[in-house]
């Protein structure tokens, strides 16, 4: 059996289990007459249910806050990733421009070198 299938592993399951055990023990050792005992048990059951509802509401609030925090964290990561990509793109473009400039400079230098050499003609 999976842990998720076992109600006693959750706080609500533990609360319900405790409530049931408490009711059983209360019935066995009740110092009050039957009708009064049933009223006490009903009141305690209502209290337990109210506490369970409060616990569920608190859990919902915590889950919602966790989701908001997770969304904010994901948004921050996304923004940082976009900034990093933009910076990398800019550096790549700068490197490409520098490479093109270096290539053009090298071509000009070689052409100037070729232009400055004297023309040698063969004697035929």
N, C-alpha and C. Protein backbone atom coordinates (compact mmCIF):
# COMPACT_ATOMS: atom_id res chain seq x y z
N UNK A 1 0.84 -1.17 0.00
CA UNK A 1 0.00 0.00 0.00
C UNK A 1 0.89 1.24 0.00
N UNK A 2 0.55 2.23 -0.81
CA UNK A 2 1.31 3.47 -0.88
C UNK A 2 1.04 4.33 0.34
N UNK A 3 2.03 5.17 0.69
CA UNK A 3 1.85 6.05 1.85
C UNK A 3 0.68 7.00 1.65
N UNK A 4 0.49 7.45 0.40
CA UNK A 4 -0.59 8.39 0.12
C UNK A 4 -1.95 7.75 0.35
N UNK A 5 -2.00 6.40 0.26
CA UNK A 5 -3.27 5.72 0.46
C UNK A 5 -3.60 5.53 1.93
N UNK A 6 -2.66 5.74 2.82
CA UNK A 6 -2.84 5.49 4.24
C UNK A 6 -3.19 6.80 4.94
N UNK A 7 -4.44 6.94 5.40
CA UNK A 7 -4.90 8.18 6.01
C UNK A 7 -4.15 8.51 7.29
N UNK A 8 -3.64 7.51 8.01
CA UNK A 8 -2.98 7.79 9.28
C UNK A 8 -1.63 8.44 9.08
N UNK A 9 -1.09 8.50 7.85
CA UNK A 9 0.18 9.16 7.57
C UNK A 9 0.01 10.67 7.41
N UNK A 10 -1.20 11.14 7.25
CA UNK A 10 -1.44 12.57 7.09
C UNK A 10 -1.91 13.16 8.41
N UNK A 11 -1.71 14.47 8.60
CA UNK A 11 -2.19 15.10 9.83
C UNK A 11 -3.70 14.94 10.02
N UNK A 12 -4.45 15.06 8.93
CA UNK A 12 -5.90 14.91 9.02
C UNK A 12 -6.27 13.48 9.40
N UNK A 13 -5.57 12.51 8.81
CA UNK A 13 -5.82 11.10 9.15
C UNK A 13 -5.50 10.82 10.61
N UNK A 14 -4.40 11.39 11.10
CA UNK A 14 -4.03 11.21 12.50
C UNK A 14 -5.08 11.86 13.41
N UNK A 15 -5.58 13.02 13.01
CA UNK A 15 -6.60 13.70 13.80
C UNK A 15 -7.87 12.85 13.88
N UNK A 16 -8.30 12.33 12.74
CA UNK A 16 -9.52 11.51 12.73
C UNK A 16 -9.33 10.22 13.52
N UNK A 17 -8.15 9.61 13.42
CA UNK A 17 -7.86 8.40 14.17
C UNK A 17 -7.89 8.69 15.67
N UNK A 18 -7.28 9.79 16.07
CA UNK A 18 -7.28 10.18 17.48
C UNK A 18 -8.68 10.49 17.98
N UNK A 19 -9.44 11.15 17.12
CA UNK A 19 -10.82 11.48 17.49
C UNK A 19 -11.63 10.20 17.71
N UNK A 20 -11.47 9.25 16.81
CA UNK A 20 -12.19 7.98 16.96
C UNK A 20 -11.78 7.23 18.21
N UNK A 21 -10.48 7.18 18.47
CA UNK A 21 -9.99 6.48 19.68
C UNK A 21 -10.49 7.19 20.94
N UNK A 22 -10.47 8.51 20.91
CA UNK A 22 -10.96 9.26 22.06
C UNK A 22 -12.43 9.02 22.32
N UNK A 23 -13.22 8.95 21.27
CA UNK A 23 -14.65 8.68 21.43
C UNK A 23 -14.88 7.29 22.02
N UNK A 24 -14.13 6.32 21.53
CA UNK A 24 -14.29 4.94 22.02
C UNK A 24 -13.94 4.86 23.51
N UNK A 25 -12.82 5.45 23.89
CA UNK A 25 -12.41 5.42 25.30
C UNK A 25 -13.42 6.20 26.14
N UNK A 26 -13.91 7.30 25.61
CA UNK A 26 -14.90 8.11 26.34
C UNK A 26 -16.17 7.34 26.61
N UNK A 27 -16.60 6.55 25.65
CA UNK A 27 -17.80 5.75 25.84
C UNK A 27 -17.59 4.67 26.91
N UNK A 28 -16.41 4.08 26.91
CA UNK A 28 -16.13 3.02 27.87
C UNK A 28 -16.05 3.52 29.31
N UNK A 29 -15.51 4.70 29.48
CA UNK A 29 -15.28 5.23 30.83
C UNK A 29 -16.12 6.46 31.13
N UNK A 30 -17.24 6.60 30.51
CA UNK A 30 -18.08 7.78 30.68
C UNK A 30 -18.66 7.87 32.08
N UNK A 31 -18.37 8.98 32.80
CA UNK A 31 -18.92 9.15 34.15
C UNK A 31 -20.32 9.76 34.13
N UNK A 32 -20.83 10.07 32.95
CA UNK A 32 -22.13 10.74 32.84
C UNK A 32 -23.17 9.76 32.31
N UNK A 33 -24.45 10.08 32.50
CA UNK A 33 -25.52 9.25 31.94
C UNK A 33 -25.48 9.27 30.41
N UNK A 34 -26.13 8.31 29.77
CA UNK A 34 -26.09 8.11 28.33
C UNK A 34 -26.37 9.35 27.50
N UNK A 35 -27.50 10.03 27.77
CA UNK A 35 -27.89 11.20 26.98
C UNK A 35 -26.83 12.30 27.10
N UNK A 36 -26.37 12.54 28.29
CA UNK A 36 -25.36 13.58 28.52
C UNK A 36 -24.04 13.18 27.83
N UNK A 37 -23.70 11.92 27.90
CA UNK A 37 -22.47 11.44 27.25
C UNK A 37 -22.56 11.64 25.74
N UNK A 38 -23.72 11.34 25.17
CA UNK A 38 -23.90 11.52 23.73
C UNK A 38 -23.77 12.99 23.34
N UNK A 39 -24.29 13.88 24.18
CA UNK A 39 -24.16 15.32 23.89
C UNK A 39 -22.70 15.76 23.96
N UNK A 40 -21.99 15.26 24.98
CA UNK A 40 -20.57 15.60 25.12
C UNK A 40 -19.79 15.09 23.90
N UNK A 41 -20.10 13.86 23.52
CA UNK A 41 -19.42 13.27 22.36
C UNK A 41 -19.72 14.08 21.10
N UNK A 42 -20.96 14.46 20.92
CA UNK A 42 -21.35 15.25 19.75
C UNK A 42 -20.63 16.60 19.75
N UNK A 43 -20.56 17.24 20.93
CA UNK A 43 -19.85 18.53 21.04
C UNK A 43 -18.38 18.36 20.70
N UNK A 44 -17.77 17.31 21.24
CA UNK A 44 -16.34 17.07 20.99
C UNK A 44 -16.11 16.75 19.50
N UNK A 45 -17.03 16.01 18.91
CA UNK A 45 -16.91 15.70 17.48
C UNK A 45 -17.00 16.98 16.65
N UNK A 46 -17.92 17.87 17.03
CA UNK A 46 -18.04 19.15 16.33
C UNK A 46 -16.76 19.97 16.49
N UNK A 47 -16.21 19.97 17.71
CA UNK A 47 -14.95 20.67 17.96
C UNK A 47 -13.84 20.10 17.08
N UNK A 48 -13.77 18.79 17.03
CA UNK A 48 -12.75 18.13 16.22
C UNK A 48 -12.89 18.47 14.75
N UNK A 49 -14.13 18.48 14.28
CA UNK A 49 -14.37 18.81 12.88
C UNK A 49 -14.01 20.27 12.60
N UNK A 50 -14.31 21.15 13.56
CA UNK A 50 -13.97 22.57 13.38
C UNK A 50 -12.45 22.73 13.33
N UNK A 51 -11.74 22.00 14.21
CA UNK A 51 -10.28 22.06 14.20
C UNK A 51 -9.73 21.51 12.89
N UNK A 52 -10.33 20.44 12.41
CA UNK A 52 -9.89 19.86 11.14
C UNK A 52 -10.12 20.85 10.00
N UNK A 53 -11.25 21.51 10.00
CA UNK A 53 -11.55 22.51 8.97
C UNK A 53 -10.55 23.66 9.04
N UNK A 54 -10.23 24.10 10.27
CA UNK A 54 -9.25 25.17 10.44
C UNK A 54 -7.88 24.72 9.93
N UNK A 55 -7.51 23.48 10.23
CA UNK A 55 -6.22 22.96 9.77
C UNK A 55 -6.17 22.89 8.25
N UNK A 56 -7.29 22.50 7.65
CA UNK A 56 -7.35 22.43 6.18
C UNK A 56 -7.26 23.83 5.58
N UNK A 57 -7.95 24.79 6.19
CA UNK A 57 -7.88 26.17 5.71
C UNK A 57 -6.45 26.71 5.81
N UNK A 58 -5.79 26.43 6.91
CA UNK A 58 -4.40 26.87 7.10
C UNK A 58 -3.49 26.22 6.07
N UNK A 59 -3.71 24.95 5.81
CA UNK A 59 -2.92 24.24 4.81
C UNK A 59 -3.13 24.84 3.43
N UNK A 60 -4.38 25.19 3.11
CA UNK A 60 -4.67 25.82 1.82
C UNK A 60 -3.90 27.14 1.69
N UNK A 61 -3.90 27.93 2.77
CA UNK A 61 -3.19 29.22 2.75
C UNK A 61 -1.70 28.99 2.53
N UNK A 62 -1.14 28.00 3.21
CA UNK A 62 0.30 27.72 3.06
C UNK A 62 0.62 27.24 1.66
N UNK A 63 -0.24 26.41 1.09
CA UNK A 63 -0.01 25.91 -0.27
C UNK A 63 -0.09 27.06 -1.27
N UNK A 64 -1.08 27.93 -1.10
CA UNK A 64 -1.23 29.07 -2.01
C UNK A 64 -0.02 29.98 -1.91
N UNK A 65 0.47 30.23 -0.69
CA UNK A 65 1.66 31.07 -0.52
C UNK A 65 2.87 30.40 -1.16
N UNK A 66 2.97 29.09 -1.02
CA UNK A 66 4.08 28.37 -1.65
C UNK A 66 4.01 28.46 -3.17
N UNK A 67 2.82 28.39 -3.72
CA UNK A 67 2.66 28.51 -5.17
C UNK A 67 3.04 29.91 -5.66
N UNK A 68 2.64 30.93 -4.89
CA UNK A 68 3.00 32.30 -5.26
C UNK A 68 4.52 32.45 -5.24
N UNK A 69 5.16 31.94 -4.19
CA UNK A 69 6.62 32.03 -4.09
C UNK A 69 7.28 31.27 -5.23
N UNK A 70 6.74 30.12 -5.58
CA UNK A 70 7.31 29.33 -6.68
C UNK A 70 7.17 30.08 -8.00
N UNK A 71 6.01 30.69 -8.23
CA UNK A 71 5.81 31.46 -9.47
C UNK A 71 6.81 32.61 -9.55
N UNK A 72 7.01 33.31 -8.42
CA UNK A 72 7.95 34.42 -8.40
C UNK A 72 9.37 33.93 -8.67
N UNK A 73 9.74 32.81 -8.09
CA UNK A 73 11.09 32.26 -8.30
C UNK A 73 11.27 31.87 -9.76
N UNK A 74 10.27 31.25 -10.35
CA UNK A 74 10.35 30.85 -11.76
C UNK A 74 10.47 32.10 -12.64
N UNK A 75 9.72 33.13 -12.33
CA UNK A 75 9.79 34.38 -13.11
C UNK A 75 11.18 35.00 -13.01
N UNK A 76 11.77 35.00 -11.81
CA UNK A 76 13.12 35.55 -11.64
C UNK A 76 14.14 34.75 -12.44
N UNK A 77 14.01 33.43 -12.39
CA UNK A 77 14.93 32.58 -13.14
C UNK A 77 14.78 32.84 -14.64
N UNK A 78 13.55 32.97 -15.08
CA UNK A 78 13.28 33.23 -16.50
C UNK A 78 13.91 34.56 -16.93
N UNK A 79 13.75 35.59 -16.09
CA UNK A 79 14.32 36.90 -16.41
C UNK A 79 15.85 36.83 -16.46
N UNK A 80 16.45 36.12 -15.49
CA UNK A 80 17.91 35.98 -15.48
C UNK A 80 18.39 35.23 -16.73
N UNK A 81 17.65 34.20 -17.11
CA UNK A 81 18.03 33.44 -18.30
C UNK A 81 17.93 34.32 -19.55
N UNK A 82 16.88 35.12 -19.63
CA UNK A 82 16.74 36.02 -20.78
C UNK A 82 17.88 37.03 -20.82
N UNK A 83 18.26 37.57 -19.65
CA UNK A 83 19.38 38.51 -19.59
C UNK A 83 20.68 37.84 -20.03
N UNK A 84 20.90 36.62 -19.57
CA UNK A 84 22.11 35.89 -19.92
C UNK A 84 22.17 35.62 -21.41
N UNK A 85 21.06 35.23 -22.00
CA UNK A 85 21.00 34.97 -23.44
C UNK A 85 21.27 36.26 -24.21
N UNK A 86 20.68 37.37 -23.77
CA UNK A 86 20.89 38.65 -24.45
C UNK A 86 22.36 39.06 -24.37
N UNK A 87 22.98 38.88 -23.21
CA UNK A 87 24.40 39.22 -23.07
C UNK A 87 25.26 38.33 -23.96
N UNK A 88 24.97 37.05 -23.99
CA UNK A 88 25.73 36.12 -24.83
C UNK A 88 25.57 36.48 -26.31
N UNK A 89 24.36 36.84 -26.72
CA UNK A 89 24.11 37.22 -28.11
C UNK A 89 24.93 38.46 -28.47
N UNK A 90 24.94 39.43 -27.55
CA UNK A 90 25.68 40.67 -27.79
C UNK A 90 27.19 40.38 -27.90
N UNK A 91 27.72 39.53 -27.02
CA UNK A 91 29.14 39.19 -27.07
C UNK A 91 29.47 38.44 -28.35
N UNK A 92 28.58 37.56 -28.77
CA UNK A 92 28.80 36.82 -30.02
C UNK A 92 28.81 37.78 -31.21
N UNK A 93 27.91 38.74 -31.23
CA UNK A 93 27.88 39.71 -32.32
C UNK A 93 29.14 40.56 -32.33
N UNK A 94 29.62 40.96 -31.13
CA UNK A 94 30.85 41.73 -31.03
C UNK A 94 32.04 40.91 -31.54
N UNK A 95 32.07 39.63 -31.17
CA UNK A 95 33.16 38.76 -31.62
C UNK A 95 33.11 38.59 -33.14
N UNK A 96 31.91 38.45 -33.69
CA UNK A 96 31.77 38.30 -35.15
C UNK A 96 32.24 39.57 -35.85
N UNK A 97 31.88 40.74 -35.32
CA UNK A 97 32.32 42.01 -35.92
C UNK A 97 33.84 42.14 -35.83
N UNK A 98 34.40 41.77 -34.68
CA UNK A 98 35.86 41.84 -34.52
C UNK A 98 36.54 40.89 -35.49
N UNK A 99 36.00 39.71 -35.70
CA UNK A 99 36.56 38.76 -36.66
C UNK A 99 36.51 39.30 -38.07
N UNK A 100 35.38 39.90 -38.43
CA UNK A 100 35.23 40.48 -39.77
C UNK A 100 36.23 41.62 -39.97
N UNK A 101 36.38 42.47 -38.95
CA UNK A 101 37.33 43.58 -39.03
C UNK A 101 38.75 43.06 -39.18
N UNK A 102 39.09 42.03 -38.42
CA UNK A 102 40.44 41.45 -38.51
C UNK A 102 40.67 40.85 -39.88
N UNK A 103 39.68 40.21 -40.43
CA UNK A 103 39.79 39.60 -41.77
C UNK A 103 40.00 40.69 -42.82
N UNK A 104 39.23 41.75 -42.76
CA UNK A 104 39.36 42.85 -43.73
C UNK A 104 40.74 43.52 -43.61
N UNK A 105 41.19 43.70 -42.38
CA UNK A 105 42.51 44.30 -42.16
C UNK A 105 43.59 43.41 -42.76
N UNK A 106 43.50 42.11 -42.54
CA UNK A 106 44.47 41.16 -43.09
C UNK A 106 44.45 41.20 -44.61
N UNK A 107 43.27 41.27 -45.22
CA UNK A 107 43.18 41.35 -46.69
C UNK A 107 43.83 42.63 -47.21
N UNK A 108 43.58 43.74 -46.54
CA UNK A 108 44.18 45.02 -46.97
C UNK A 108 45.70 44.97 -46.86
N UNK A 109 46.18 44.40 -45.74
CA UNK A 109 47.63 44.32 -45.54
C UNK A 109 48.28 43.44 -46.61
N UNK A 110 47.68 42.33 -46.93
CA UNK A 110 48.24 41.44 -47.96
C UNK A 110 48.18 42.10 -49.34
N UNK A 111 47.07 42.78 -49.59
CA UNK A 111 46.96 43.47 -50.89
C UNK A 111 48.00 44.57 -50.98
N UNK A 112 48.21 45.31 -49.90
CA UNK A 112 49.22 46.37 -49.90
C UNK A 112 50.60 45.77 -50.10
N UNK A 113 50.86 44.62 -49.50
CA UNK A 113 52.15 43.95 -49.66
C UNK A 113 52.35 43.51 -51.10
N UNK A 114 51.30 42.96 -51.70
CA UNK A 114 51.40 42.55 -53.10
C UNK A 114 51.60 43.75 -54.03
N UNK A 115 50.93 44.85 -53.73
CA UNK A 115 51.03 46.05 -54.56
C UNK A 115 52.42 46.67 -54.45
N UNK A 116 53.09 46.51 -53.34
CA UNK A 116 54.39 47.14 -53.15
C UNK A 116 55.55 46.31 -53.72
N UNK A 117 55.35 45.08 -54.09
CA UNK A 117 56.41 44.25 -54.68
C UNK A 117 56.64 44.67 -56.14
N UNK A 118 57.89 44.66 -56.54
CA UNK A 118 58.16 44.98 -57.94
C UNK A 118 57.75 43.82 -58.84
N UNK A 119 57.38 44.16 -60.02
CA UNK A 119 56.96 43.15 -60.97
C UNK A 119 58.22 42.61 -61.65
N UNK A 120 58.39 41.33 -61.57
CA UNK A 120 59.55 40.67 -62.18
C UNK A 120 59.06 39.98 -63.45
N UNK A 121 59.72 40.33 -64.56
CA UNK A 121 59.33 39.70 -65.82
C UNK A 121 60.42 38.73 -66.23
N UNK A 122 60.00 37.65 -66.75
CA UNK A 122 60.96 36.65 -67.17
C UNK A 122 61.54 36.99 -68.55
N UNK A 123 62.78 36.64 -68.75
CA UNK A 123 63.45 36.92 -70.03
C UNK A 123 63.21 35.74 -70.96
N UNK A 124 62.34 35.84 -71.82
CA UNK A 124 62.12 34.76 -72.75
C UNK A 124 62.30 35.20 -74.17
